[in-house]
């Protein structure tokens, strides 16, 4: 199992819209993430900063599967104007795990 920590930011003034979309996340999107093998997925927000944590057996395989699906493409297109991202298709910087303890 891989533990993945990711970081990105929303653009200034887009914080509440980002929160709103995640309160109303599409069931077909959460089903897709589950089918990709993603577990324990959490997004934390502090100001404009977002920290995401998830667990998955194979991150590369899961991310390829998710980003290839229409529902994911529609979601990314919807959120793209809100994000201050280095990559509009996968707007997250994956972080190095330096410590873990169960």
Protein backbone atom coordinates (compact mmCIF):
# COMPACT_ATOMS: atom_id res chain seq x y z
CA UNK A 1 0.00 0.00 0.00
CA UNK A 2 1.15 3.52 -0.79
CA UNK A 3 0.35 6.52 1.39
CA UNK A 4 0.16 9.63 -0.79
CA UNK A 5 0.35 13.20 0.48
CA UNK A 6 -0.31 15.94 -2.02
CA UNK A 7 -0.35 19.72 -1.91
CA UNK A 8 -1.84 22.49 -4.02
CA UNK A 9 -3.61 25.81 -3.64
CA UNK A 10 -6.84 27.45 -4.69
CA UNK A 11 -6.76 30.91 -6.22
CA UNK A 12 -7.48 33.87 -3.92
CA UNK A 13 -11.22 34.33 -3.52
CA UNK A 14 -12.07 30.79 -4.69
CA UNK A 15 -11.96 29.12 -1.28
CA UNK A 16 -15.71 29.02 -0.65
CA UNK A 17 -16.56 27.78 -4.14
CA UNK A 18 -13.98 24.99 -3.72
CA UNK A 19 -15.58 24.04 -0.39
CA UNK A 20 -19.07 24.13 -1.95
CA UNK A 21 -18.12 21.78 -4.80
CA UNK A 22 -16.66 19.31 -2.31
CA UNK A 23 -19.78 19.45 -0.13
CA UNK A 24 -21.70 18.56 -3.32
CA UNK A 25 -19.17 16.12 -4.84
CA UNK A 26 -20.71 13.92 -7.52
CA UNK A 27 -21.46 10.34 -6.43
CA UNK A 28 -20.15 9.03 -9.76
CA UNK A 29 -16.81 10.72 -9.00
CA UNK A 30 -16.51 9.14 -5.55
CA UNK A 31 -17.45 5.78 -7.13
CA UNK A 32 -14.68 6.24 -9.71
CA UNK A 33 -12.10 7.00 -7.03
CA UNK A 34 -13.18 3.91 -5.10
CA UNK A 35 -12.98 1.75 -8.27
CA UNK A 36 -9.42 3.03 -8.77
CA UNK A 37 -8.53 1.54 -5.38
CA UNK A 38 -8.20 4.81 -3.48
CA UNK A 39 -8.97 4.52 0.23
CA UNK A 40 -8.92 6.86 3.20
CA UNK A 41 -9.02 9.98 1.00
CA UNK A 42 -9.07 13.25 2.91
CA UNK A 43 -8.57 16.87 1.88
CA UNK A 44 -7.59 19.48 4.47
CA UNK A 45 -7.77 23.23 3.81
CA UNK A 46 -5.92 26.10 5.47
CA UNK A 47 -6.57 29.42 3.75
CA UNK A 48 -5.73 28.76 0.11
CA UNK A 49 -3.54 25.73 0.88
CA UNK A 50 -4.90 22.23 0.33
CA UNK A 51 -3.33 19.08 1.73
CA UNK A 52 -4.67 15.78 0.47
CA UNK A 53 -3.97 12.34 1.92
CA UNK A 54 -4.95 8.99 0.46
CA UNK A 55 -4.00 5.35 0.47
CA UNK A 56 -3.79 3.23 -2.67
CA UNK A 57 -2.07 0.06 -3.85
CA UNK A 58 -0.54 1.67 -6.97
CA UNK A 59 -0.71 5.47 -7.26
CA UNK A 60 0.52 5.62 -10.87
CA UNK A 61 -2.04 3.06 -12.04
CA UNK A 62 -4.87 4.68 -10.07
CA UNK A 63 -4.10 8.19 -11.31
CA UNK A 64 -3.89 7.00 -14.95
CA UNK A 65 -7.26 5.28 -14.58
CA UNK A 66 -8.94 8.24 -12.87
CA UNK A 67 -7.66 10.90 -15.27
CA UNK A 68 -8.72 8.82 -18.30
CA UNK A 69 -12.39 8.75 -17.28
CA UNK A 70 -14.97 11.25 -18.53
CA UNK A 71 -16.38 12.06 -15.08
CA UNK A 72 -12.88 12.97 -13.86
CA UNK A 73 -12.25 15.13 -16.94
CA UNK A 74 -15.52 17.01 -16.35
CA UNK A 75 -14.66 17.52 -12.64
CA UNK A 76 -11.17 18.78 -13.45
CA UNK A 77 -12.54 21.19 -16.06
CA UNK A 78 -15.02 22.50 -13.51
CA UNK A 79 -12.39 23.04 -10.79
CA UNK A 80 -9.53 24.17 -13.04
CA UNK A 81 -10.48 27.89 -12.88
CA UNK A 82 -10.36 27.69 -9.06
CA UNK A 83 -6.93 26.10 -8.80
CA UNK A 84 -3.50 27.69 -8.62
CA UNK A 85 -1.92 24.58 -10.12
CA UNK A 86 1.29 23.57 -11.85
CA UNK A 87 -0.61 21.05 -13.98
CA UNK A 88 -4.28 21.48 -14.84
CA UNK A 89 -4.76 17.76 -15.50
CA UNK A 90 -3.21 16.60 -12.22
CA UNK A 91 -2.96 19.74 -10.12
CA UNK A 92 -1.10 18.26 -7.17
CA UNK A 93 2.50 18.17 -6.07
CA UNK A 94 3.13 14.76 -4.54
CA UNK A 95 5.02 15.01 -1.25
CA UNK A 96 7.82 12.79 0.01
CA UNK A 97 6.90 10.70 3.03
CA UNK A 98 9.57 11.22 5.68
CA UNK A 99 7.90 9.62 8.70
CA UNK A 100 5.03 7.23 9.40
CA UNK A 101 3.90 5.42 12.52
CA UNK A 102 0.74 3.30 12.94
